[in-house]
Amino acid sequence: MTTNMKLKQLEILLNDFELLSKTALVQMQIVNRLSEDNSIKALYEEAESNEIIMDRLEIKIREEVVFTIFQFNPIAADLRKIITYQDITTNLERVGDMLLNIIHFLKVTDIHHADFDVIRKLIHKMLGAVNEMLRNAIFSFSNRDSHTAYKIIKDDDKVDSLFDQIGISLQETFATKELSKDQIRNIINVNAISHNLERIGDSATNIAEATIYLTEGKDIRHGNEE
């Protein structure tokens, strides 16, 4: 196989990754809009369509990774890049699943009820933090920017802290109240929303760690920074 053919195949991987990344960010924008107004029906339809696109892209990229490895027998540097594409693609597909989970919960949750005034502000803070982490994670990989990748890993602590604050606030707000079925449903859904946001933060961290592996050849997963 010629070098030109190999470069063309790597370009195909890059283009599919960019489309997957853009679709994930569009899903995040939909979550942000629905958190302000969950009555926009067109956004739910768009989100379902985006999920199909992301699922298909994940399968396509996985197949392209296998094809590239077997057909081109890439050198170590290229192999590391190809494997990193696969790792990051898997994490972005998971992010898509979790964003769709949040969208489904937002559809049936009244987070604008007075009971959730404090919690809603924390949810919006968490949304903003996770949105920034995801954007930076994609940027760090696309630009081989390990400095930004290290910052993302530190930012995950902020998301974890907000997740804990939401749990505490739910307990403090509702522990002594006699709850209706609607309130119980809203509490469960808000907790699920925050849980999915926390997991998106984890996936953004995984992408950052993969970027560091690609740029520096260091595997820092599980706290291994040696």
Protein backbone atom coordinates (compact mmCIF):
# COMPACT_ATOMS: atom_id res chain seq x y z
CA MET A 1 0.00 0.00 0.00
CA THR A 2 1.32 3.43 -0.90
CA THR A 3 1.93 6.26 1.51
CA ASN A 4 -0.73 8.34 -0.28
CA MET A 5 -3.33 5.63 0.28
CA LYS A 6 -2.44 5.44 3.95
CA LEU A 7 -2.70 9.21 4.33
CA LYS A 8 -6.06 9.17 2.57
CA GLN A 9 -7.35 6.52 4.98
CA LEU A 10 -6.16 8.54 7.98
CA GLU A 11 -7.92 11.57 6.50
CA ILE A 12 -11.17 9.57 6.29
CA LEU A 13 -10.82 8.72 9.98
CA LEU A 14 -10.22 12.37 10.81
CA ASN A 15 -13.24 13.56 8.83
CA ASP A 16 -15.54 11.02 10.49
CA PHE A 17 -14.18 11.97 13.90
CA GLU A 18 -14.83 15.66 13.21
CA LEU A 19 -18.43 14.91 12.22
CA LEU A 20 -18.91 12.80 15.35
CA SER A 21 -17.47 15.60 17.49
CA LYS A 22 -19.67 18.26 15.93
CA THR A 23 -22.77 16.12 16.41
CA ALA A 24 -21.91 15.57 20.09
CA LEU A 25 -21.56 19.33 20.57
CA VAL A 26 -24.91 19.92 18.84
CA GLN A 27 -26.49 17.45 21.28
CA MET A 28 -24.98 19.43 24.14
CA GLN A 29 -26.51 22.63 22.75
CA ILE A 30 -29.90 20.90 22.61
CA VAL A 31 -29.54 19.92 26.27
CA ASN A 32 -28.73 23.53 27.17
CA ARG A 33 -31.81 24.82 25.34
CA LEU A 34 -34.14 22.19 26.80
CA SER A 35 -32.87 22.94 30.30
CA GLU A 36 -34.26 26.45 29.77
CA ASP A 37 -37.45 25.39 27.96
CA ASN A 38 -38.38 21.71 27.69
CA SER A 39 -41.45 22.36 25.51
CA ILE A 40 -39.62 22.69 22.15
CA LYS A 41 -40.76 19.51 20.41
CA ALA A 42 -38.53 19.92 17.35
CA LEU A 43 -35.44 19.62 19.54
CA TYR A 44 -36.43 16.14 20.70
CA GLU A 45 -36.79 14.98 17.10
CA GLU A 46 -33.42 16.51 16.20
CA ALA A 47 -31.80 14.81 19.19
CA GLU A 48 -33.09 11.38 18.17
CA SER A 49 -31.78 11.90 14.63
CA ASN A 50 -28.39 13.00 15.96
CA GLU A 51 -28.16 9.87 18.10
CA ILE A 52 -28.65 7.68 15.02
CA ILE A 53 -25.87 9.61 13.25
CA MET A 54 -23.51 9.15 16.20
CA ASP A 55 -24.21 5.44 16.49
CA ARG A 56 -23.56 4.90 12.79
CA LEU A 57 -20.38 6.96 12.85
CA GLU A 58 -19.06 4.99 15.82
CA ILE A 59 -19.57 1.72 13.93
CA LYS A 60 -18.03 3.18 10.74
CA ILE A 61 -14.95 4.47 12.56
CA ARG A 62 -14.47 1.16 14.36
CA GLU A 63 -14.56 -0.67 11.03
CA GLU A 64 -12.17 1.84 9.46
CA VAL A 65 -9.73 1.42 12.35
CA VAL A 66 -9.65 -2.36 11.85
CA PHE A 67 -9.28 -1.95 8.07
CA THR A 68 -6.44 0.56 8.46
CA ILE A 69 -4.47 -1.64 10.85
CA PHE A 70 -4.75 -4.77 8.71
CA GLN A 71 -4.24 -3.10 5.33
CA PHE A 72 -1.46 -0.66 6.08
CA ASN A 73 0.50 -2.26 8.93
CA PRO A 74 1.10 1.22 10.41
CA ILE A 75 4.30 2.22 12.18
CA ALA A 76 4.19 2.78 15.95
CA ALA A 77 3.35 6.50 15.80
CA ASP A 78 0.50 5.99 13.33
CA LEU A 79 -0.77 2.96 15.24
CA ARG A 80 -0.95 5.01 18.42
CA LYS A 81 -2.92 7.68 16.55
CA ILE A 82 -5.34 5.10 15.11
CA ILE A 83 -5.92 3.44 18.48
CA THR A 84 -6.50 6.85 20.04
CA TYR A 85 -9.17 7.60 17.42
CA GLN A 86 -10.92 4.40 18.48
CA ASP A 87 -10.70 5.23 22.20
CA ILE A 88 -12.00 8.74 21.74
CA THR A 89 -14.74 7.63 19.36
CA THR A 90 -15.99 5.16 21.97
CA ASN A 91 -16.08 7.90 24.58
CA LEU A 92 -17.90 10.33 22.29
CA GLU A 93 -20.51 7.70 21.49
CA ARG A 94 -21.03 7.20 25.23
CA VAL A 95 -21.34 10.97 25.64
CA GLY A 96 -24.06 10.90 22.97
CA ASP A 97 -25.92 8.19 24.88
CA MET A 98 -25.74 10.15 28.12
CA LEU A 99 -26.84 13.40 26.47
CA LEU A 100 -29.85 11.61 25.02
CA ASN A 101 -30.61 10.22 28.49
CA ILE A 102 -30.60 13.78 29.85
CA ILE A 103 -32.85 14.95 27.01
CA HIS A 104 -35.35 12.20 27.82
CA PHE A 105 -35.32 13.14 31.52
CA LEU A 106 -35.70 16.86 30.78
CA LYS A 107 -38.80 16.11 28.71
CA VAL A 108 -40.68 14.78 31.76
CA THR A 109 -39.11 16.86 34.54
CA ASP A 110 -40.27 20.20 35.90
CA ILE A 111 -36.91 21.65 36.96
CA HIS A 112 -38.45 25.14 36.98
CA HIS A 113 -40.71 24.32 39.93
CA ALA A 114 -40.03 26.54 42.93
CA ASP A 115 -38.80 23.51 44.90
CA PHE A 116 -35.82 23.26 42.53
CA ASP A 117 -34.67 26.89 42.52
CA VAL A 118 -31.32 26.18 44.18
CA ILE A 119 -30.86 22.80 42.51
CA ARG A 120 -31.64 24.23 39.06
CA LYS A 121 -28.83 26.75 39.44
CA LEU A 122 -26.44 23.94 40.34
CA ILE A 123 -27.61 21.91 37.34
CA HIS A 124 -26.93 24.88 35.05
CA LYS A 125 -23.48 25.33 36.59
CA MET A 126 -22.78 21.66 36.05
CA LEU A 127 -24.03 21.89 32.46
CA GLY A 128 -21.69 24.82 31.81
CA ALA A 129 -18.71 23.03 33.34
CA VAL A 130 -19.34 19.80 31.42
CA ASN A 131 -19.93 21.70 28.18
CA GLU A 132 -16.57 23.44 28.57
CA MET A 133 -14.82 20.16 29.40
CA LEU A 134 -16.24 18.42 26.33
CA ARG A 135 -15.37 21.29 23.99
CA ASN A 136 -11.86 21.51 25.39
CA ALA A 137 -11.42 17.73 25.18
CA ILE A 138 -12.29 17.75 21.47
CA PHE A 139 -10.07 20.81 20.92
CA SER A 140 -7.14 19.25 22.78
CA PHE A 141 -7.27 16.10 20.68
CA SER A 142 -7.79 17.89 17.36
CA ASN A 143 -4.86 20.24 18.08
CA ARG A 144 -2.64 17.73 19.93
CA ASP A 145 -2.74 20.12 22.91
CA SER A 146 -1.67 18.23 26.02
CA HIS A 147 -1.64 21.43 28.12
CA THR A 148 -5.41 21.78 27.67
CA ALA A 149 -5.82 18.05 28.26
CA TYR A 150 -4.19 18.31 31.70
CA LYS A 151 -6.50 21.22 32.56
CA ILE A 152 -9.56 19.10 31.66
CA ILE A 153 -8.46 16.40 34.09
CA LYS A 154 -8.28 18.97 36.89
CA ASP A 155 -11.66 20.47 35.91
CA ASP A 156 -13.32 17.10 36.47
CA ASP A 157 -13.00 17.73 40.22
CA LYS A 158 -15.32 20.75 39.84
CA VAL A 159 -17.94 18.60 38.12
CA ASP A 160 -17.68 15.94 40.83
CA SER A 161 -18.11 18.64 43.49
CA LEU A 162 -21.24 20.01 41.79
CA PHE A 163 -22.64 16.48 41.55
CA ASP A 164 -22.15 16.05 45.31
CA GLN A 165 -23.72 19.46 46.00
CA ILE A 166 -26.82 18.53 44.01
CA GLY A 167 -27.21 15.32 45.99
CA ILE A 168 -26.89 17.19 49.28
CA SER A 169 -29.30 19.91 48.14
CA LEU A 170 -31.91 17.32 47.15
CA GLN A 171 -31.70 15.79 50.62
CA GLU A 172 -31.87 19.15 52.40
CA THR A 173 -34.80 20.35 50.28
CA PHE A 174 -37.01 17.28 50.41
CA ALA A 175 -35.97 15.11 53.38
CA THR A 176 -38.63 16.50 55.73
CA LYS A 177 -41.44 16.99 53.18
CA GLU A 178 -44.37 14.78 52.40
CA LEU A 179 -43.86 14.19 48.69
CA SER A 180 -46.34 13.80 45.85
CA LYS A 181 -45.79 11.38 42.98
CA ASP A 182 -44.77 14.27 40.73
CA GLN A 183 -42.21 15.50 43.25
CA ILE A 184 -40.74 12.02 43.65
CA ARG A 185 -40.49 11.67 39.87
CA ASN A 186 -38.80 15.07 39.56
CA ILE A 187 -36.30 14.24 42.32
CA ILE A 188 -35.37 10.93 40.71
CA ASN A 189 -35.02 12.58 37.28
CA VAL A 190 -32.93 15.49 38.54
CA ASN A 191 -30.62 13.04 40.28
CA ALA A 192 -30.37 11.06 37.02
CA ILE A 193 -29.60 14.22 35.04
CA SER A 194 -26.76 15.15 37.39
CA HIS A 195 -25.45 11.57 37.31
CA ASN A 196 -25.33 11.56 33.51
CA LEU A 197 -23.58 14.95 33.51
CA GLU A 198 -21.00 13.59 35.93
CA ARG A 199 -20.38 10.63 33.62
CA ILE A 200 -19.96 12.98 30.63
CA GLY A 201 -17.27 14.75 32.65
CA ASP A 202 -15.60 11.38 33.13
CA SER A 203 -15.72 10.71 29.39
CA ALA A 204 -14.22 14.13 28.64
CA THR A 205 -11.44 13.22 31.08
CA ASN A 206 -10.91 9.93 29.22
CA ILE A 207 -10.55 11.87 25.96
CA ALA A 208 -8.01 14.17 27.61
CA GLU A 209 -6.03 11.19 28.88
CA ALA A 210 -6.07 9.67 25.38
CA THR A 211 -4.75 12.98 24.00
CA ILE A 212 -1.87 12.90 26.46
CA TYR A 213 -1.14 9.32 25.44
CA LEU A 214 -1.09 10.39 21.78
CA THR A 215 1.05 13.52 22.23
CA GLU A 216 3.40 12.37 24.99
CA GLY A 217 3.22 8.59 24.85
CA LYS A 218 2.23 8.53 28.54
CA ASP A 219 -0.60 6.47 29.96
CA ILE A 220 -1.89 8.45 32.95
CA ARG A 221 -5.12 6.53 33.50
CA HIS A 222 -5.95 5.36 37.03
CA GLY A 223 -3.73 8.07 38.51
CA ASN A 224 -0.60 6.77 36.80
CA GLU A 225 1.38 9.90 35.98
CA GLU A 226 4.83 8.40 36.03
